[in-house]
Amino acid sequence: MEAAGEEEISVEEEAVDKNVFRDYSKIAFYRRQKQLSKNSTYRALLDSVTTVKDSTRFQIINEATKVPLLAEINGIERNIFRLKINEETPLKPRYEVPDVLISKPKTVRLISCSGDKGSLILEDGKGDLKCHITENPFKIDLVSEKEVVMSINSQGKLFFEHLQIPPKQRTTKENEESASINTSQENQEDLGLWEEKFGSFVDVKANGPTSIGLDFSLHGFEHLYGIPQHAESHQLKNTGDGDAYRLYNLDVYGYKIHDKMGIYGSVPYLLAHKLGRTIGIFWLNASETLVEINTQPSVEYTWTQVGPAAAKQKVISQTDVCWISESGIIDVFLLTGPTPSDVFKQYSYLTGTQAMPPLFSLGYHQCRWNYEDEQDVKAVDAGFDEHDIPYDVIWLDIEHTEGKRYFTWDKKRFANPKRMQELLRSKKRKLVVISDPHIKIDPDYSVYAKAKEQGFFVRNREGSDFEGVCWPGLSSYLDFTNSKVREWYSGLFAFPVYQGSTDILFIWNDMNEPSVFRGPELTLQKNAIHHGNWEHRELHNIYGFYQQMATAEGLIQRSKGKERPFVLSRSFFAGSQKYGAVWTGDNTAEWSYLKISIPMLLTLSITGISFCGADVGGFIGNPDAELLVRWYQAGAYQPFFRGHANMNTKRREPWLFGEEYTKLIREAIRERYTLLPYLYSLFYHAHVASEPVMRPLWIEFPDELETFGVEDEYMLGSALLVHPVTEPKTTMVDVFLPRSNEIPVFQRGGSVVPIKTTIGKSTGWMTNSSFGLRVAVSTEGSAVGELYLDDGHSFQYLHQNQFLHRKFSFCSSVLINSCADERGRYLSKCVVEQILFLGLKKKPSSVTTHSSDGKDQPVAFMYCDKTSTLNLEKLSLNIGCDWEVHIK
C-alpha cells in the first residue's frame, strides 16, 4: 500500500486550495441564524424562578414558537458565573461537553434581591458582583461595583433550535407545527435543516437542525484576544457580513495567513481588556462554532447650544460578540477578572494548568519528514556534536513504521530500534515518534484486529466501522471519546506491548483533527457515530484532545506513574494544556509565516496553552539561510523549539548553510540552553499559578494603552522583552539598533534571570553545571527573581516535595538568596559561580559574600563604567543555601 500513501501525499499538498473548505455562505446553520434570528424574541418567566443547590433556574420562552427553554445561573468560586440554557424537555439528551473541566466547579450561593418590576437581581455574598436579569425581552447584565461590564442577549441574538421528530415519523399536525417553527417548505433545503450538501458530500442529519447562538456586549472594551487557532493577528478583528472566526479543527496544509478560517485546533475562549479591567468568556461547546465580533470605538460628540456653552456627550466603546454553534447546549462561563492574572487563574480553575514538562522537552528538537533509517539518525546526531550544537530530541515521522502501521518499525530502515535508542541514551538524548489516530485496515495488523474485535472504531451512520483514506491508505479511526478505547490505547505504550520502545521514547500525535483525505473538508463526516450514539458533529473539536489525553496517560502508566510524559499534538481544545504541547502546524518557509507565528503563539499562550511553538524554518518549502537563521533566533525564545521540514524539501540541518550561518544558529540554540533555568522556572509558574510563559505586552503592562495592539514583540516571563527580526535584510528594528547577526532581547530593569554558565551536549549533561545570575537593577536600585529546580523528569516534585524554589532579591546594595517555598526538599550540589549586575551606576569599593554560617568572604570583581556593569566570577555559592552578596 505504499503507492496509496504516496498518492495521498499529493492530495494533502493540494489541501491549501480553499475550495476544499467551506466558506461561511456554505455553512447552513450559520445561514439559518443570520436569516432567522432577526425574528426570534425571548422572554424570561421570572415567576418560574427556583433555587436548587446554589443554582438559580427559570424558564425562557420564545415569543413566536412558545417553546420553553430552561436557564440556569450558578455562581462559582473565584468570581466566575456560569450560564446554561437547554431545552426544558428535549426529545432526547443534548450533548454536553465532558472531561474538559478538571472537576465539578464549586458553586457559591447567589442571593436573590428584588429588582424593578420585571427584573431579578442575583448577587454573590460579597455584594460586588451582580447578575441583573430583565424579563422582557430577556437580557442579563453583569454588574461589577455599579458598572455594567457585560450584557447578554442585549442584541436579541439568542437562538436555540430544539430537537424535532424526523419528518418521516411525524403526524400531519406535527409537520404543520414544525413548518411554522422553522420556515417555509421551499427554504428548508437551502437552510440545510435535515440534509446539507457540500460538493459531492451529503450530510444527512438524524437529529435535524440543532444550532444555538447567543450574543454578549462588552462595555468599554475595544481590545479582544483569544479563540485560537487562526493564522491571524493577536488582537481579534471586526467581522463583517458573512465573515466570522471559525472554530472547526481541520488539516489545512500551508494555511493562508491573515485568514479567519479554522485550522488544527480550537479553544472557544476569549479575553477582553481595557484600562482597569480584564474579563473572559469561555463557551464550552465542541461542535463547529463561529464567532462574530463588532467593535464600536468610543466617540465624543459636540454640538452647539444657544449661549456660550457647548455641550459634549461621550459614547463609550462597546464590543459585541456573538457565538454560533452547530449543536449542543449553551454552557458559558463568565470570568470577571478583574486583572489578567485573575482571568488566567479563573480559566485554569476550570480547565487545568499547563502540565509541568520534562526538562529535556524545553531543549532543541530536530525533526524531519523523514529521517531515512538508523544510519541517518546516527549521522544527524553526530553532526550536532561535530558542530558543537546542543540538542535534546530527534524525531521520526510516519516513514519509520511498517507501512504506516503505528506502534511498529520498518524492518529494513529501523531493524534495531533499541540499539538506536541506546546510542541516543548514551548522549543523554531522547527520541520522539509519531502515532496518528487512523489505523490501517489490515486483519494481520494486531492493533487494527484488536480494535476491530472490540468495536473501538468510529462508525458510519449505517452502523459499520467508518473507513477513510489517510497515510496508510484505507483506514479506520479510533473512537477516543470512549474511555474504554482510551484505556486500551494507553496500554499500547507499555514496553512489552510496544516492541522496540524504551523509556527515552516519547510521542507525537499528528493528523488528529481528524484528517480524512477524501472526506468533507478533509475530515470525518459529521454524521459519523461515536460511543454513546453521539454524532461526530457534536464533538468534532474535542477528538484530538482525547487522543493526546490517552497518549499522555499511556506514557505515565508505562513508568508506573513515576515519569512525566511528553506528547505533542497538532489538534487541541480547551484543557489540552494538561496533556502536553501543541504547535502551529504546516507552515511555509516564508518571512510572513515567521511573522504571523508570533501572534499565533501569543494567542495560544493566553488561552492556557503555554507549551506551544512553530516549526522553525517553515515546514513547506526551502528557506534561504537568512530566513532560517532568523527563525532559529525567534524560536530560541519561544516555549516549544523544534526544527521541522517536509519530505519534499532540501535537507536543512543547522550546519548545511556554511560556517557563517552555522555559527549564528549555534549561538541562538546555545543561548536557549543558557536560559533553561529561567525558562523552566517560568513553566513551573505556568503549572502552579497559570501565568503564561510567552506573554503579550498588555499582560505585563495592562495600564499602558499603547501595548494593547503590539504583536511583533513579547515578554518571555516578566523579565525578558523579545523582538524577533521578521523581515529580510534587516539591520535595525524599532526597539534598538543591533548588529545584523543579533536578535533584540532586553532584560527588564528590576529583574534577576538565572542562567547556566556551561552548555552541554543536551540538558542531561547540564544537571550539575553551575548557575549564573543576571541582575538588571531598576532605577530605584532593586531587582527580584526566582529559580525553580527539581530532577527534571519525575513526579517527585509533586508527591514527595522534591523541588527547590529560591528567591533572589537585590535591595540597598545587597543581593539575597532565600527560600521561596519551605516545603521543598530537593538537594542540589550546583553553585552560583557568576553574577552580572546590569545598570549599577557606581563602581563599588568592595564586594563580600555572607553565608548562613556567618562567614564573610571578599570577592574579586570587574566594573565597567561605560556599560555600568559589575561582574563577579569564580564564586562558589550553593544554589540551595541562604547567602548574601554585599556591595559597598
Foldseek 3Di string as FASTA:
>chain_A
DQVLLVVLVVLQVPLLPCLLDDALLQPLLSVQLVPPLVVWFKFWPVVQWDADPLKTKTWIATPQLRFIKIWIWWAFPLGKIKIWIGGPDAPDDFDFDPDQFPDDTHTAHWDWDDDPPQWIWTHGPVRQWIWIFGGVRTKIFIGGNNRGFKIKCPVSSWDWDGWAQPPVPDDPVSVVSVCSVRHHPVCCQVSQFQWGDRVPDIFGHNRGFTKTKIKMKGFQFDFKAFFDDALAARTDDAADVSGWQKAAEADNFAHDHNHRYHYHATAQKMWTADFQFIKMKGWRFQFIKTKGKDKDAKDKDWDDDPDDDIDIDIDHIMMMMMMMGRHGIGIMMIQGDGALLSNLVVLCNTRNFFAQAFLQQQAEEEEEAAQFALVSLVVLLVVCVVLVFAHAEYEGEQQQACLSAPLHGPCVRYVQLLVSQVVSVVQNHAYEYEDEFWHDPDCVRVVNVVCQVVVQFWAALVGHFDWFQDSSGITTGGQLVDVVSLQVLLQCLADVNSDSDDLRYAYEYECQLPAGSPDRSRDDRQQTAHPVRDGCSRRSNCRQLSNLVSRQSSSCVNVVNWWGHEYEYAYHYNNSSNRYEYEPHQHAQDLSSLQSQQSSQQNCQSSRHQQYYYAQRGAHEHHALQSNLLSLLVQLLGRGHYHYYYPPYDDCSLPPRDPVSSVLSSVSSQVSQFQSQQLSVLSVCSNPSVHHQKHQVCNLVVNDVVSSRDRQWTDRPNFKIWHGDRDPPDQQDPVGGHGPSDTDMGTDAQEKGKTFPDDGSGVVVRQQGAIEIEHRHHPQGKHKYKGKDAPSITCCCPVVVAIFIWMWMTDPQKIKIDGPDVSHDHDGQYFHFKYKYFPQQDDFPWKWKAFPVGDIGTFDWDADNVGRMIMTGRDGHGNRGIMMMGTD
